[in-house]
Amino acid sequence: MLRQPLEDGFVTISRVQGSVSYPSEFMLVCAMNPCKCGWYGDPSGRCTCSQASVDQYLSRISGPMLDRIDLIVEVPALRFDELRRKGTAEPSVDIKRRVDAARALQQARFTGEKTQCNALMTPADLREYCALDEPCAALMKSAFERLSMTARSYDRVRKVARTIADLAGSAEIRPEHLAEAVQYRSFQFGK
């Protein structure tokens, strides 16, 4: 049921009397365990799930749904020493400054257009603003084949790479931007 609103930005309700569409642009943030017990892949060996059980658990999310998720990040459990470590994180004000600068670039890029940000780019926008030079195209081809990407995931990777380039203040998508974007799609469920 989430596929249409994620893809099109509207939801259509059909009944005998007719159908009506409502705007439905939203950001989907979701999380899940790697298996029923939550310990699959942990070095402690605490997972009690069979591979078939893990595969069944992960298959609850369809491939078409995964294709519509821009960022897929595996977050391993932290060890006690990692929790106790007292490092200094980047201040939020610095992160906000970078995000604001990237949003300003996007606003300038899409001035006078219906598109407002990279996530909402149309196929024409992708051709214009997410063109890949030869090194990027070679990298993308390799990732596309290695990860068995679909056309939809290919477009998602380019949108994320464009945003990473914006955050770096780069006018073009460079191989390092594309490589980072591919990393956000490379999680192989149940493997």
C-alpha atoms as a PDB file:
ATOM      1  CA  MET A   1       0.000   0.000   0.000  1.00  0.00           C
ATOM      2  CA  LEU A   2       2.946   2.355   0.512  1.00  0.00           C
ATOM      3  CA  ARG A   3       4.396   1.896  -2.959  1.00  0.00           C
ATOM      4  CA  GLN A   4       2.186   4.396  -4.798  1.00  0.00           C
ATOM      5  CA  PRO A   5       2.493   7.204  -2.215  1.00  0.00           C
ATOM      6  CA  LEU A   6       6.279   6.732  -2.030  1.00  0.00           C
ATOM      7  CA  GLU A   7       6.673   6.756  -5.786  1.00  0.00           C
ATOM      8  CA  ASP A   8       4.050   9.258  -6.921  1.00  0.00           C
ATOM      9  CA  GLY A   9       3.496  11.525  -3.914  1.00  0.00           C
ATOM     10  CA  PHE A  10      -0.251  10.896  -3.828  1.00  0.00           C
ATOM     11  CA  VAL A  11      -2.638   8.184  -2.704  1.00  0.00           C
ATOM     12  CA  THR A  12      -5.752   7.177  -4.605  1.00  0.00           C
ATOM     13  CA  ILE A  13      -8.767   5.711  -2.862  1.00  0.00           C
ATOM     14  CA  SER A  14     -11.197   3.875  -5.121  1.00  0.00           C
ATOM     15  CA  ARG A  15     -14.729   2.934  -4.181  1.00  0.00           C
ATOM     16  CA  VAL A  16     -17.854   1.976  -6.108  1.00  0.00           C
ATOM     17  CA  GLN A  17     -18.952   5.637  -6.249  1.00  0.00           C
ATOM     18  CA  GLY A  18     -15.625   6.716  -7.763  1.00  0.00           C
ATOM     19  CA  SER A  19     -12.060   7.461  -6.802  1.00  0.00           C
ATOM     20  CA  VAL A  20     -10.277  10.396  -5.242  1.00  0.00           C
ATOM     21  CA  SER A  21      -6.586  11.252  -4.981  1.00  0.00           C
ATOM     22  CA  TYR A  22      -4.915  13.034  -2.096  1.00  0.00           C
ATOM     23  CA  PRO A  23      -1.399  14.488  -1.896  1.00  0.00           C
ATOM     24  CA  SER A  24       0.857  12.273   0.166  1.00  0.00           C
ATOM     25  CA  GLU A  25       4.480  13.380   0.132  1.00  0.00           C
ATOM     26  CA  PHE A  26       6.273  12.073   3.177  1.00  0.00           C
ATOM     27  CA  MET A  27       9.613  10.777   4.381  1.00  0.00           C
ATOM     28  CA  LEU A  28       9.567   7.099   5.320  1.00  0.00           C
ATOM     29  CA  VAL A  29      11.986   6.145   8.086  1.00  0.00           C
ATOM     30  CA  CYS A  30      11.911   2.527   9.143  1.00  0.00           C
ATOM     31  CA  ALA A  31      14.017   0.038  11.071  1.00  0.00           C
ATOM     32  CA  MET A  32      14.070  -3.704  11.427  1.00  0.00           C
ATOM     33  CA  ASN A  33      16.105  -6.415  13.071  1.00  0.00           C
ATOM     34  CA  PRO A  34      18.186  -8.738  10.881  1.00  0.00           C
ATOM     35  CA  CYS A  35      16.116 -11.722  12.100  1.00  0.00           C
ATOM     36  CA  LYS A  36      13.377 -12.648  14.607  1.00  0.00           C
ATOM     37  CA  CYS A  37      15.744 -12.849  17.571  1.00  0.00           C
ATOM     38  CA  GLY A  38      17.711  -9.758  16.496  1.00  0.00           C
ATOM     39  CA  TRP A  39      21.179 -11.305  16.678  1.00  0.00           C
ATOM     40  CA  TYR A  40      21.761 -12.583  13.128  1.00  0.00           C
ATOM     41  CA  GLY A  41      25.335 -11.867  12.043  1.00  0.00           C
ATOM     42  CA  ASP A  42      26.474 -10.841  15.555  1.00  0.00           C
ATOM     43  CA  PRO A  43      29.960 -12.176  16.352  1.00  0.00           C
ATOM     44  CA  SER A  44      28.707 -13.414  19.744  1.00  0.00           C
ATOM     45  CA  GLY A  45      26.871 -16.255  17.988  1.00  0.00           C
ATOM     46  CA  ARG A  46      23.694 -15.588  20.001  1.00  0.00           C
ATOM     47  CA  CYS A  47      21.409 -15.957  16.975  1.00  0.00           C
ATOM     48  CA  THR A  48      19.285 -19.077  17.191  1.00  0.00           C
ATOM     49  CA  CYS A  49      17.527 -18.609  13.845  1.00  0.00           C
ATOM     50  CA  SER A  50      17.989 -20.983  10.931  1.00  0.00           C
ATOM     51  CA  GLN A  51      18.914 -19.506   7.546  1.00  0.00           C
ATOM     52  CA  ALA A  52      15.436 -20.402   6.297  1.00  0.00           C
ATOM     53  CA  SER A  53      13.895 -18.502   9.238  1.00  0.00           C
ATOM     54  CA  VAL A  54      16.098 -15.468   8.519  1.00  0.00           C
ATOM     55  CA  ASP A  55      15.190 -15.551   4.829  1.00  0.00           C
ATOM     56  CA  GLN A  56      11.482 -15.830   5.651  1.00  0.00           C
ATOM     57  CA  TYR A  57      11.700 -12.929   8.131  1.00  0.00           C
ATOM     58  CA  LEU A  58      13.502 -10.665   5.664  1.00  0.00           C
ATOM     59  CA  SER A  59      11.199 -11.592   2.767  1.00  0.00           C
ATOM     60  CA  ARG A  60       8.382  -9.756   4.549  1.00  0.00           C
ATOM     61  CA  ILE A  61       9.685  -6.634   2.789  1.00  0.00           C
ATOM     62  CA  SER A  62       9.257  -6.996  -0.954  1.00  0.00           C
ATOM     63  CA  GLY A  63      11.883  -6.108  -3.541  1.00  0.00           C
ATOM     64  CA  PRO A  64       9.647  -3.413  -5.072  1.00  0.00           C
ATOM     65  CA  MET A  65       9.284  -1.813  -1.636  1.00  0.00           C
ATOM     66  CA  LEU A  66      13.050  -1.927  -1.039  1.00  0.00           C
ATOM     67  CA  ASP A  67      13.541  -0.272  -4.434  1.00  0.00           C
ATOM     68  CA  ARG A  68      11.623   2.749  -3.155  1.00  0.00           C
ATOM     69  CA  ILE A  69      13.835   3.212  -0.079  1.00  0.00           C
ATOM     70  CA  ASP A  70      16.726   5.587  -0.786  1.00  0.00           C
ATOM     71  CA  LEU A  71      19.087   4.675   2.051  1.00  0.00           C
ATOM     72  CA  ILE A  72      19.551   1.217   3.535  1.00  0.00           C
ATOM     73  CA  VAL A  73      22.115   1.200   6.313  1.00  0.00           C
ATOM     74  CA  GLU A  74      23.126  -1.778   8.411  1.00  0.00           C
ATOM     75  CA  VAL A  75      23.892  -0.700  11.979  1.00  0.00           C
ATOM     76  CA  PRO A  76      25.793  -3.327  13.992  1.00  0.00           C
ATOM     77  CA  ALA A  77      25.445  -3.538  17.775  1.00  0.00           C
ATOM     78  CA  LEU A  78      27.998  -1.558  19.771  1.00  0.00           C
ATOM     79  CA  ARG A  79      30.384  -3.280  22.173  1.00  0.00           C
ATOM     80  CA  PHE A  80      30.791  -2.100  25.753  1.00  0.00           C
ATOM     81  CA  ASP A  81      34.152  -0.403  25.038  1.00  0.00           C
ATOM     82  CA  GLU A  82      32.599   1.478  22.137  1.00  0.00           C
ATOM     83  CA  LEU A  83      29.798   2.732  24.378  1.00  0.00           C
ATOM     84  CA  ARG A  84      32.278   3.959  26.998  1.00  0.00           C
ATOM     85  CA  ARG A  85      34.540   5.713  24.499  1.00  0.00           C
ATOM     86  CA  LYS A  86      34.452   9.458  24.908  1.00  0.00           C
ATOM     87  CA  GLY A  87      35.033  10.909  21.490  1.00  0.00           C
ATOM     88  CA  THR A  88      33.969  14.263  20.223  1.00  0.00           C
ATOM     89  CA  ALA A  89      31.273  14.214  17.597  1.00  0.00           C
ATOM     90  CA  GLU A  90      30.862  16.828  14.921  1.00  0.00           C
ATOM     91  CA  PRO A  91      28.766  19.670  16.371  1.00  0.00           C
ATOM     92  CA  SER A  92      25.163  19.812  15.145  1.00  0.00           C
ATOM     93  CA  VAL A  93      25.611  23.458  14.161  1.00  0.00           C
ATOM     94  CA  ASP A  94      28.305  22.429  11.640  1.00  0.00           C
ATOM     95  CA  ILE A  95      26.100  19.692  10.198  1.00  0.00           C
ATOM     96  CA  LYS A  96      23.179  22.124   9.960  1.00  0.00           C
ATOM     97  CA  ARG A  97      25.385  24.608   8.105  1.00  0.00           C
ATOM     98  CA  ARG A  98      26.298  21.964   5.497  1.00  0.00           C
ATOM     99  CA  VAL A  99      22.680  20.841   5.105  1.00  0.00           C
ATOM    100  CA  ASP A 100      21.466  24.441   4.736  1.00  0.00           C
ATOM    101  CA  ALA A 101      24.112  25.073   2.058  1.00  0.00           C
ATOM    102  CA  ALA A 102      23.060  21.922   0.178  1.00  0.00           C
ATOM    103  CA  ARG A 103      19.384  22.923   0.381  1.00  0.00           C
ATOM    104  CA  ALA A 104      20.274  26.389  -0.946  1.00  0.00           C
ATOM    105  CA  LEU A 105      22.034  24.748  -3.920  1.00  0.00           C
ATOM    106  CA  GLN A 106      18.919  22.682  -4.607  1.00  0.00           C
ATOM    107  CA  GLN A 107      16.625  25.703  -4.331  1.00  0.00           C
ATOM    108  CA  ALA A 108      18.812  27.587  -6.802  1.00  0.00           C
ATOM    109  CA  ARG A 109      18.964  24.555  -9.140  1.00  0.00           C
ATOM    110  CA  PHE A 110      15.192  24.162  -9.226  1.00  0.00           C
ATOM    111  CA  THR A 111      14.199  27.838  -9.283  1.00  0.00           C
ATOM    112  CA  GLY A 112      11.095  28.237 -11.425  1.00  0.00           C
ATOM    113  CA  GLU A 113      10.526  24.472 -11.650  1.00  0.00           C
ATOM    114  CA  LYS A 114       7.948  22.237 -10.021  1.00  0.00           C
ATOM    115  CA  THR A 115      10.725  20.129  -8.456  1.00  0.00           C
ATOM    116  CA  GLN A 116      11.792  21.422  -5.057  1.00  0.00           C
ATOM    117  CA  CYS A 117      14.580  19.060  -4.009  1.00  0.00           C
ATOM    118  CA  ASN A 118      16.732  16.192  -5.275  1.00  0.00           C
ATOM    119  CA  ALA A 119      14.434  13.509  -3.863  1.00  0.00           C
ATOM    120  CA  LEU A 120      11.588  14.728  -6.098  1.00  0.00           C
ATOM    121  CA  MET A 121      13.548  14.876  -9.359  1.00  0.00           C
ATOM    122  CA  THR A 122      11.748  13.753 -12.501  1.00  0.00           C
ATOM    123  CA  PRO A 123      13.396  11.609 -15.205  1.00  0.00           C
ATOM    124  CA  ALA A 124      14.173  14.821 -17.142  1.00  0.00           C
ATOM    125  CA  ASP A 125      15.773  16.332 -14.010  1.00  0.00           C
ATOM    126  CA  LEU A 126      17.856  13.179 -13.577  1.00  0.00           C
ATOM    127  CA  ARG A 127      19.182  13.459 -17.133  1.00  0.00           C
ATOM    128  CA  GLU A 128      20.060  17.126 -16.626  1.00  0.00           C
ATOM    129  CA  TYR A 129      21.393  17.208 -13.058  1.00  0.00           C
ATOM    130  CA  CYS A 130      22.648  13.665 -12.475  1.00  0.00           C
ATOM    131  CA  ALA A 131      24.655  13.007 -15.622  1.00  0.00           C
ATOM    132  CA  LEU A 132      27.539  10.600 -15.032  1.00  0.00           C
ATOM    133  CA  ASP A 133      30.956  11.099 -16.634  1.00  0.00           C
ATOM    134  CA  GLU A 134      32.900   8.056 -17.868  1.00  0.00           C
ATOM    135  CA  PRO A 135      34.570   7.136 -14.527  1.00  0.00           C
ATOM    136  CA  CYS A 136      31.209   7.428 -12.741  1.00  0.00           C
ATOM    137  CA  ALA A 137      29.418   5.464 -15.472  1.00  0.00           C
ATOM    138  CA  ALA A 138      31.981   2.642 -15.195  1.00  0.00           C
ATOM    139  CA  LEU A 139      31.570   2.570 -11.410  1.00  0.00           C
ATOM    140  CA  MET A 140      27.777   2.594 -11.718  1.00  0.00           C
ATOM    141  CA  LYS A 141      27.815  -0.198 -14.308  1.00  0.00           C
ATOM    142  CA  SER A 142      29.920  -2.370 -12.022  1.00  0.00           C
ATOM    143  CA  ALA A 143      27.648  -1.721  -9.020  1.00  0.00           C
ATOM    144  CA  PHE A 144      24.511  -2.213 -11.132  1.00  0.00           C
ATOM    145  CA  GLU A 145      25.654  -5.656 -12.254  1.00  0.00           C
ATOM    146  CA  ARG A 146      27.233  -6.750  -8.951  1.00  0.00           C
ATOM    147  CA  LEU A 147      24.222  -5.751  -6.841  1.00  0.00           C
ATOM    148  CA  SER A 148      21.561  -6.755  -9.398  1.00  0.00           C
ATOM    149  CA  MET A 149      20.052  -3.266  -9.297  1.00  0.00           C
ATOM    150  CA  THR A 150      16.821  -2.327 -11.003  1.00  0.00           C
ATOM    151  CA  ALA A 151      16.182   0.796 -13.071  1.00  0.00           C
ATOM    152  CA  ARG A 152      14.411   2.316 -10.072  1.00  0.00           C
ATOM    153  CA  SER A 153      17.368   1.673  -7.728  1.00  0.00           C
ATOM    154  CA  TYR A 154      19.716   3.094 -10.393  1.00  0.00           C
ATOM    155  CA  ASP A 155      17.735   6.353 -10.334  1.00  0.00           C
ATOM    156  CA  ARG A 156      17.669   6.366  -6.516  1.00  0.00           C
ATOM    157  CA  VAL A 157      21.453   5.991  -6.370  1.00  0.00           C
ATOM    158  CA  ARG A 158      21.905   8.940  -8.732  1.00  0.00           C
ATOM    159  CA  LYS A 159      19.584  11.140  -6.620  1.00  0.00           C
ATOM    160  CA  VAL A 160      21.479  10.239  -3.445  1.00  0.00           C
ATOM    161  CA  ALA A 161      24.820  10.835  -5.204  1.00  0.00           C
ATOM    162  CA  ARG A 162      23.568  14.276  -6.327  1.00  0.00           C
ATOM    163  CA  THR A 163      22.703  15.093  -2.703  1.00  0.00           C
ATOM    164  CA  ILE A 164      26.094  13.861  -1.457  1.00  0.00           C
ATOM    165  CA  ALA A 165      27.754  16.057  -4.103  1.00  0.00           C
ATOM    166  CA  ASP A 166      25.625  19.015  -2.933  1.00  0.00           C
ATOM    167  CA  LEU A 167      26.699  18.405   0.668  1.00  0.00           C
ATOM    168  CA  ALA A 168      30.317  18.445  -0.527  1.00  0.00           C
ATOM    169  CA  GLY A 169      29.697  21.648  -2.506  1.00  0.00           C
ATOM    170  CA  SER A 170      30.474  19.939  -5.814  1.00  0.00           C
ATOM    171  CA  ALA A 171      28.801  20.990  -9.062  1.00  0.00           C
ATOM    172  CA  GLU A 172      29.259  17.500 -10.558  1.00  0.00           C
ATOM    173  CA  ILE A 173      28.746  14.018  -9.219  1.00  0.00           C
ATOM    174  CA  ARG A 174      32.210  12.548  -8.725  1.00  0.00           C
ATOM    175  CA  PRO A 175      33.160   8.876  -8.281  1.00  0.00           C
ATOM    176  CA  GLU A 176      33.490   9.248  -4.493  1.00  0.00           C
ATOM    177  CA  HIS A 177      29.946  10.641  -4.284  1.00  0.00           C
ATOM    178  CA  LEU A 178      28.598   7.790  -6.378  1.00  0.00           C
ATOM    179  CA  ALA A 179      30.556   5.178  -4.398  1.00  0.00           C
ATOM    180  CA  GLU A 180      29.079   6.482  -1.146  1.00  0.00           C
ATOM    181  CA  ALA A 181      25.564   6.428  -2.609  1.00  0.00           C
ATOM    182  CA  VAL A 182      26.057   2.833  -3.794  1.00  0.00           C
ATOM    183  CA  GLN A 183      27.116   1.831  -0.277  1.00  0.00           C
ATOM    184  CA  TYR A 184      23.689   2.918   0.939  1.00  0.00           C
ATOM    185  CA  ARG A 185      22.077   0.399  -1.462  1.00  0.00           C
ATOM    186  CA  SER A 186      24.477  -2.504  -1.093  1.00  0.00           C
ATOM    187  CA  PHE A 187      23.040  -4.266   1.955  1.00  0.00           C
ATOM    188  CA  GLN A 188      22.137  -7.792   0.945  1.00  0.00           C
ATOM    189  CA  PHE A 189      19.306  -9.066   3.138  1.00  0.00           C
ATOM    190  CA  GLY A 190      19.884 -12.529   4.564  1.00  0.00           C
ATOM    191  CA  LYS A 191      23.400 -12.850   3.187  1.00  0.00           C
END
